[in-house]
Protein backbone atom coordinates (compact mmCIF):
# COMPACT_ATOMS: atom_id res chain seq x y z
CA UNK A 1 32.02 -21.62 -59.02
CA UNK A 2 28.39 -22.67 -59.53
CA UNK A 3 25.57 -20.22 -60.09
CA UNK A 4 24.13 -20.76 -56.57
CA UNK A 5 27.56 -20.30 -54.99
CA UNK A 6 28.06 -17.05 -56.86
CA UNK A 7 24.61 -15.86 -55.76
CA UNK A 8 25.29 -16.66 -52.09
CA UNK A 9 28.73 -15.06 -52.02
CA UNK A 10 27.68 -11.93 -53.90
CA UNK A 11 24.62 -11.51 -51.65
CA UNK A 12 26.74 -11.88 -48.52
CA UNK A 13 29.34 -9.39 -49.81
CA UNK A 14 26.66 -6.84 -50.72
CA UNK A 15 24.97 -7.24 -47.34
CA UNK A 16 28.16 -6.94 -45.30
CA UNK A 17 29.60 -4.21 -47.51
CA UNK A 18 26.51 -2.04 -47.12
CA UNK A 19 26.51 -2.39 -43.32
CA UNK A 20 30.20 -1.56 -42.96
CA UNK A 21 30.14 1.20 -45.57
CA UNK A 22 27.05 2.88 -44.13
CA UNK A 23 28.47 2.78 -40.59
CA UNK A 24 31.73 4.34 -41.80
CA UNK A 25 29.89 7.01 -43.81
CA UNK A 26 27.59 8.02 -40.96
CA UNK A 27 30.51 8.11 -38.54
CA UNK A 28 32.60 10.37 -40.78
CA UNK A 29 29.86 12.63 -42.19
CA UNK A 30 27.27 12.84 -39.37
CA UNK A 31 29.50 11.87 -36.43
CA UNK A 32 27.02 9.11 -35.51
CA UNK A 33 28.68 6.46 -33.40
CA UNK A 34 28.13 3.00 -34.83
CA UNK A 35 26.94 1.62 -31.46
CA UNK A 36 24.82 4.46 -30.08
CA UNK A 37 21.65 3.69 -28.12
CA UNK A 38 18.73 6.01 -28.86
CA UNK A 39 15.04 6.36 -29.64
CA UNK A 40 14.17 4.95 -33.10
CA UNK A 41 14.39 7.58 -35.85
CA UNK A 42 11.88 7.59 -38.72
CA UNK A 43 13.02 10.34 -41.08
CA UNK A 44 13.70 9.93 -44.80
CA UNK A 45 17.35 8.96 -44.38
CA UNK A 46 16.59 6.24 -41.86
CA UNK A 47 13.69 4.88 -43.90
CA UNK A 48 15.93 4.62 -46.95
CA UNK A 49 18.71 2.75 -45.15
CA UNK A 50 16.07 0.59 -43.44
CA UNK A 51 14.56 -0.47 -46.77
CA UNK A 52 17.97 -1.16 -48.31
CA UNK A 53 18.98 -3.23 -45.27
CA UNK A 54 15.75 -5.20 -45.47
CA UNK A 55 16.19 -5.81 -49.19
CA UNK A 56 19.78 -7.02 -48.88
CA UNK A 57 18.92 -9.19 -45.87
CA UNK A 58 16.05 -10.85 -47.72
CA UNK A 59 18.33 -11.32 -50.72
CA UNK A 60 20.87 -13.18 -48.59
CA UNK A 61 18.14 -15.36 -47.08
CA UNK A 62 16.75 -16.10 -50.56
CA UNK A 63 20.21 -17.09 -51.79
CA UNK A 64 20.66 -19.60 -48.97
CA UNK A 65 17.09 -20.87 -49.22
CA UNK A 66 17.55 -21.43 -52.95
CA UNK A 67 20.61 -23.60 -52.22
CA UNK A 68 18.79 -25.76 -49.67
CA UNK A 69 19.55 -29.47 -50.00
CA UNK A 70 17.36 -30.77 -47.16
CA UNK A 71 14.74 -29.61 -44.64
CA UNK A 72 14.98 -30.62 -41.00
CA UNK A 73 11.94 -31.66 -39.02
CA UNK A 74 10.99 -30.16 -35.65
CA UNK A 75 9.89 -32.83 -33.18
CA UNK A 76 6.74 -32.69 -31.08
CA UNK A 77 8.48 -31.66 -27.87
CA UNK A 78 10.41 -28.92 -29.66
CA UNK A 79 7.18 -27.67 -31.25
CA UNK A 80 5.57 -27.34 -27.82
CA UNK A 81 8.62 -25.51 -26.49
CA UNK A 82 8.64 -23.12 -29.45
CA UNK A 83 4.95 -22.33 -28.98
CA UNK A 84 5.50 -21.79 -25.23
CA UNK A 85 8.42 -19.41 -25.79
CA UNK A 86 6.38 -17.51 -28.39
CA UNK A 87 3.47 -17.13 -25.96
CA UNK A 88 5.92 -15.95 -23.29
CA UNK A 89 7.15 -13.20 -25.63
CA UNK A 90 3.55 -12.20 -26.36
CA UNK A 91 2.95 -11.94 -22.60
CA UNK A 92 6.05 -9.75 -22.27
CA UNK A 93 4.84 -7.25 -24.83
CA UNK A 94 1.31 -7.40 -23.42
CA UNK A 95 2.75 -6.38 -20.05
CA UNK A 96 4.32 -3.34 -21.70
CA UNK A 97 0.96 -2.40 -23.17
CA UNK A 98 -0.82 -2.82 -19.83
CA UNK A 99 1.75 -1.28 -17.49
CA UNK A 100 5.11 0.14 -18.59
CA UNK A 101 6.06 0.49 -14.91
CA UNK A 102 5.47 -3.22 -14.28
CA UNK A 103 7.36 -4.02 -17.49
CA UNK A 104 10.33 -2.07 -16.11
CA UNK A 105 10.17 -3.75 -12.68
CA UNK A 106 10.11 -7.26 -14.13
CA UNK A 107 13.17 -6.48 -16.25
CA UNK A 108 15.09 -4.49 -13.63
CA UNK A 109 18.58 -5.22 -12.26
CA UNK A 110 18.67 -8.40 -10.13
CA UNK A 111 15.15 -9.27 -11.28
CA UNK A 112 13.83 -12.76 -11.91
CA UNK A 113 14.47 -12.25 -15.62
CA UNK A 114 18.14 -11.47 -15.09
CA UNK A 115 18.69 -14.42 -12.77
CA UNK A 116 16.81 -16.78 -15.06
CA UNK A 117 18.99 -15.60 -17.97
CA UNK A 118 22.12 -16.30 -15.93
CA UNK A 119 20.91 -19.75 -14.85
CA UNK A 120 20.10 -20.67 -18.44
CA UNK A 121 23.57 -19.57 -19.55
CA UNK A 122 25.24 -21.58 -16.76
CA UNK A 123 23.18 -24.53 -17.96
CA UNK A 124 24.33 -23.90 -21.53
CA UNK A 125 27.96 -23.89 -20.37
CA UNK A 126 27.48 -27.21 -18.59
CA UNK A 127 25.84 -28.79 -21.64
CA UNK A 128 28.66 -27.61 -23.90
CA UNK A 129 31.12 -29.15 -21.44
CA UNK A 130 29.36 -32.47 -22.12
CA UNK A 131 29.77 -31.80 -25.82
CA UNK A 132 33.47 -31.20 -25.21
CA UNK A 133 33.75 -34.63 -23.57
CA UNK A 134 32.21 -36.17 -26.67
CA UNK A 135 34.56 -34.52 -29.16
CA UNK A 136 37.58 -35.44 -27.03
CA UNK A 137 36.68 -39.13 -27.45
CA UNK A 138 35.95 -39.10 -31.19
CA UNK A 139 37.84 -38.44 -34.38
CA UNK A 140 36.09 -35.85 -36.59
CA UNK A 141 34.85 -36.92 -40.02
CA UNK A 142 36.33 -33.79 -41.62
CA UNK A 143 39.29 -31.62 -40.69
CA UNK A 144 41.89 -31.82 -37.92
CA UNK A 145 40.98 -33.07 -34.46
CA UNK A 146 41.73 -29.79 -32.66
CA UNK A 147 38.99 -27.80 -34.43
CA UNK A 148 35.93 -29.37 -32.70
CA UNK A 149 37.82 -29.38 -29.40
CA UNK A 150 38.54 -25.66 -29.63
CA UNK A 151 34.97 -24.87 -30.71
CA UNK A 152 33.35 -26.87 -27.91
CA UNK A 153 35.75 -25.47 -25.31
CA UNK A 154 35.22 -21.96 -26.67
CA UNK A 155 31.44 -22.17 -26.39
CA UNK A 156 31.73 -23.60 -22.87
CA UNK A 157 33.89 -20.69 -21.77
CA UNK A 158 31.80 -18.09 -23.64
CA UNK A 159 28.51 -19.19 -22.10
CA UNK A 160 30.05 -19.29 -18.61
CA UNK A 161 31.48 -15.80 -19.13
CA UNK A 162 28.11 -14.49 -20.32
CA UNK A 163 26.40 -15.96 -17.25
CA UNK A 164 28.93 -14.44 -14.85
CA UNK A 165 28.70 -11.08 -16.61
CA UNK A 166 24.90 -11.19 -16.30
CA UNK A 167 25.16 -11.17 -12.49
CA UNK A 168 28.38 -9.11 -12.29
CA UNK A 169 30.37 -12.11 -11.06
CA UNK A 170 28.09 -12.39 -7.98
CA UNK A 171 29.43 -9.08 -6.68
CA UNK A 172 26.17 -7.98 -5.09
CA UNK A 173 25.63 -11.38 -3.46
CA UNK A 174 29.18 -11.81 -2.15
CA UNK A 175 29.55 -8.12 -1.35
CA UNK A 176 33.08 -7.38 -2.54
CA UNK A 177 34.03 -3.85 -3.61
CA UNK A 178 34.82 -2.88 -7.18
CA UNK A 179 38.52 -2.04 -7.64
CA UNK A 180 38.96 1.71 -8.14
CA UNK A 181 40.57 1.26 -11.56
CA UNK A 182 37.52 -0.71 -12.72
CA UNK A 183 34.89 1.48 -11.06
CA UNK A 184 36.32 4.62 -12.65
CA UNK A 185 35.67 3.32 -16.17
CA UNK A 186 32.68 1.05 -15.59
CA UNK A 187 29.33 2.58 -16.53
CA UNK A 188 27.60 1.15 -13.44
CA UNK A 189 30.67 1.07 -11.20
CA UNK A 190 30.43 -2.72 -11.02
CA UNK A 191 32.87 -5.58 -11.41
CA UNK A 192 32.11 -6.70 -14.95
CA UNK A 193 33.41 -6.27 -18.47
CA UNK A 194 30.32 -5.40 -20.50
CA UNK A 195 29.70 -2.07 -18.78
CA UNK A 196 33.04 -0.67 -19.93
CA UNK A 197 31.51 -0.26 -23.37
CA UNK A 198 27.87 -1.22 -22.86
CA UNK A 199 26.57 -0.10 -26.25
CA UNK A 200 29.32 -1.92 -28.17
CA UNK A 201 28.78 -5.08 -26.10
CA UNK A 202 25.03 -5.02 -26.69
CA UNK A 203 25.51 -4.34 -30.40
CA UNK A 204 27.77 -7.38 -30.68
CA UNK A 205 25.45 -9.53 -28.55
CA UNK A 206 22.19 -8.66 -30.29
CA UNK A 207 23.47 -8.73 -33.86
CA UNK A 208 25.77 -11.71 -33.29
CA UNK A 209 23.14 -13.92 -31.68
CA UNK A 210 20.62 -12.86 -34.31
CA UNK A 211 22.92 -14.17 -37.06
CA UNK A 212 24.05 -17.24 -35.11
CA UNK A 213 20.63 -18.41 -33.92
CA UNK A 214 18.61 -17.50 -37.03
CA UNK A 215 20.79 -17.36 -40.17
CA UNK A 216 23.13 -20.29 -39.46
CA UNK A 217 20.26 -22.82 -39.17
CA UNK A 218 19.31 -21.86 -42.74
CA UNK A 219 22.94 -22.14 -43.83
CA UNK A 220 23.10 -25.59 -42.18
CA UNK A 221 20.42 -26.88 -44.55
CA UNK A 222 22.06 -25.40 -47.65
CA UNK A 223 24.89 -26.57 -49.86
CA UNK A 224 27.15 -24.09 -48.05
CA UNK A 225 27.41 -26.58 -45.17
CA UNK A 226 29.19 -28.93 -47.61
CA UNK A 227 31.80 -26.42 -48.72
CA UNK A 228 35.26 -27.62 -47.57
CA UNK A 229 35.91 -24.61 -45.32
CA UNK A 230 32.46 -24.90 -43.70
CA UNK A 231 32.19 -28.68 -43.51
CA UNK A 232 34.53 -28.93 -40.52
CA UNK A 233 32.27 -26.49 -38.63
CA UNK A 234 28.97 -28.04 -39.73
CA UNK A 235 28.46 -30.23 -36.62
CA UNK A 236 28.35 -27.07 -34.50
CA UNK A 237 25.84 -25.14 -36.60
CA UNK A 238 22.50 -24.55 -34.83
CA UNK A 239 19.52 -26.31 -36.38
CA UNK A 240 15.95 -25.40 -37.28
CA UNK A 241 14.68 -26.24 -33.79
CA UNK A 242 17.07 -23.71 -32.26
CA UNK A 243 15.86 -21.04 -34.70
CA UNK A 244 12.21 -21.72 -33.82
CA UNK A 245 12.83 -21.26 -30.10
CA UNK A 246 15.04 -18.21 -30.68
CA UNK A 247 12.82 -16.23 -33.08
CA UNK A 248 10.78 -14.44 -30.36
CA UNK A 249 13.92 -12.61 -29.20
CA UNK A 250 13.68 -10.47 -32.34
CA UNK A 251 10.59 -8.54 -31.19
CA UNK A 252 12.37 -6.88 -28.24
CA UNK A 253 14.29 -4.35 -30.32
CA UNK A 254 13.78 -0.70 -29.46
CA UNK A 255 16.74 1.40 -28.29
CA UNK A 256 19.00 -0.46 -30.75
CA UNK A 257 16.60 -0.39 -33.69
CA UNK A 258 18.48 2.42 -35.42
CA UNK A 259 21.71 0.37 -35.43
CA UNK A 260 22.00 -1.35 -38.80
CA UNK A 261 23.61 -4.64 -37.63
CA UNK A 262 20.82 -5.20 -35.08
CA UNK A 263 18.21 -4.17 -37.63
CA UNK A 264 19.78 -6.47 -40.24
CA UNK A 265 19.60 -9.36 -37.77
CA UNK A 266 15.88 -8.63 -37.39
CA UNK A 267 15.23 -8.65 -41.15
CA UNK A 268 17.24 -11.83 -41.57
CA UNK A 269 15.30 -13.48 -38.73
CA UNK A 270 12.00 -12.50 -40.34
CA UNK A 271 13.19 -13.78 -43.72
CA UNK A 272 14.31 -17.09 -42.20
CA UNK A 273 10.89 -17.58 -40.59
CA UNK A 274 9.26 -17.10 -44.00
CA UNK A 275 11.79 -19.40 -45.71
CA UNK A 276 11.27 -22.16 -43.13
CA UNK A 277 7.49 -21.81 -43.41
CA UNK A 278 7.78 -22.39 -47.16
CA UNK A 279 10.11 -25.38 -46.80
CA UNK A 280 8.59 -27.11 -43.76
CA UNK A 281 7.92 -30.81 -44.35
CA UNK A 282 5.04 -31.02 -41.85
CA UNK A 283 1.81 -29.08 -41.51
CA UNK A 284 2.51 -28.35 -37.85
CA UNK A 285 5.87 -26.91 -38.81
CA UNK A 286 4.32 -24.71 -41.49
CA UNK A 287 1.78 -23.35 -38.99
CA UNK A 288 4.51 -22.66 -36.42
CA UNK A 289 6.84 -20.85 -38.82
CA UNK A 290 4.00 -18.88 -40.40
CA UNK A 291 2.88 -17.79 -36.95
CA UNK A 292 6.43 -16.86 -36.00
CA UNK A 293 6.80 -14.76 -39.17
CA UNK A 294 3.58 -12.88 -38.38
CA UNK A 295 4.52 -12.41 -34.72
CA UNK A 296 8.06 -11.24 -35.45
CA UNK A 297 6.69 -8.55 -37.77
CA UNK A 298 3.71 -7.61 -35.59
CA UNK A 299 5.69 -7.75 -32.33
CA UNK A 300 8.36 -5.41 -33.67
CA UNK A 301 5.72 -2.98 -34.96
CA UNK A 302 4.14 -3.03 -31.50
CA UNK A 303 7.51 -2.35 -29.86
CA UNK A 304 8.19 0.57 -32.20
CA UNK A 305 4.71 1.97 -31.59
CA UNK A 306 4.66 1.62 -27.79
CA UNK A 307 8.34 1.59 -26.88
CA UNK A 308 8.25 5.29 -26.06
CA UNK A 309 5.99 4.49 -23.09
CA UNK A 310 8.77 2.50 -21.37
CA UNK A 311 10.18 4.07 -18.22
CA UNK A 312 13.67 3.89 -19.80
CA UNK A 313 14.36 3.31 -23.46
CA UNK A 314 16.47 0.24 -22.65
CA UNK A 315 13.83 -1.53 -20.51
CA UNK A 316 13.31 -4.18 -23.19
CA UNK A 317 17.00 -5.21 -23.13
CA UNK A 318 16.68 -7.73 -20.27
CA UNK A 319 13.71 -9.33 -22.04
CA UNK A 320 15.71 -9.76 -25.23
CA UNK A 321 18.62 -11.21 -23.27
CA UNK A 322 16.29 -13.72 -21.61
CA UNK A 323 15.09 -15.00 -24.98
CA UNK A 324 18.67 -15.06 -26.27
CA UNK A 325 19.57 -17.23 -23.26
CA UNK A 326 16.68 -19.57 -24.03
CA UNK A 327 17.93 -19.96 -27.60
CA UNK A 328 21.50 -20.60 -26.47
CA UNK A 329 20.58 -23.22 -23.86
CA UNK A 330 18.47 -25.06 -26.44
CA UNK A 331 21.44 -24.91 -28.83
CA UNK A 332 23.71 -26.33 -26.11
CA UNK A 333 21.18 -29.05 -25.28
CA UNK A 334 20.99 -30.10 -28.93
CA UNK A 335 24.78 -30.13 -29.07
CA UNK A 336 25.06 -32.24 -25.90
CA UNK A 337 22.97 -34.93 -27.58
CA UNK A 338 25.10 -35.01 -30.74
CA UNK A 339 27.31 -38.06 -31.14
CA UNK A 340 29.64 -36.81 -33.86
CA UNK A 341 32.86 -34.90 -33.42
């Protein structure tokens, strides 16, 4: 094992071990559920775990950045899209500062934000279906043929499921009743899966997409993408363009800020922005990533400072899910244009 490989693996083990160990300790000692939704806490204990999480997250990012073997360029159209999405996130937080009531209305159930998120996810599913057609025609350069087929089909189904869950399978539009067995256990009494365990679902969604959309683009550019076990998955790793468009999602973290996996995804996203700013091969890219790093930090500070003014502590959730959907549809679009299996 090379020195860089040892550094990457040990950093990843430390990072994951701390998150799992801390969740288990807090559950057993303090009876804190690992997926609780609450106001951010700023006492000594939470500051300590926050600093450790940040340190280990930056260490993991530094390990991958140190093993970088190439830097991808962001094209002009992608740069414009990334700037537009960033400005949209600024407008979202500005709305909170101006009128928390309006911020809540825009992000309410069946709002334009929710429907736009669903439409973007349906679009992502369609684009991944095109990717599936491509991999069915080609023989992969590495690994067995079934792996890219399963991955492309899995993403197609996942994005379609996420879109249908976003609008509760069109229940309110079609008007069918929720079966009693489902309504009795569903938090909102609706026909969907995510409201059976809303906090767990959101924890998985926010932390999972944070790692997928932000950390994996950095891994894609590192020597890890050439490891035998990773090489077969490399064609499906999101790229630097996807990370640039996805970064603004990180600033809409409030009721889940105390949860270490979500917080770790934030620190990793911030670290990736800094790493990409340092490694950008164009001046425009450096400016974009530097701006994103500043905005991710400043936007999260703003959310922590003014989040208590929201009508409900989870009002920012629909905003985050919109920006997650933007990142996923851009990922699917990039995948649909790929010509390798």
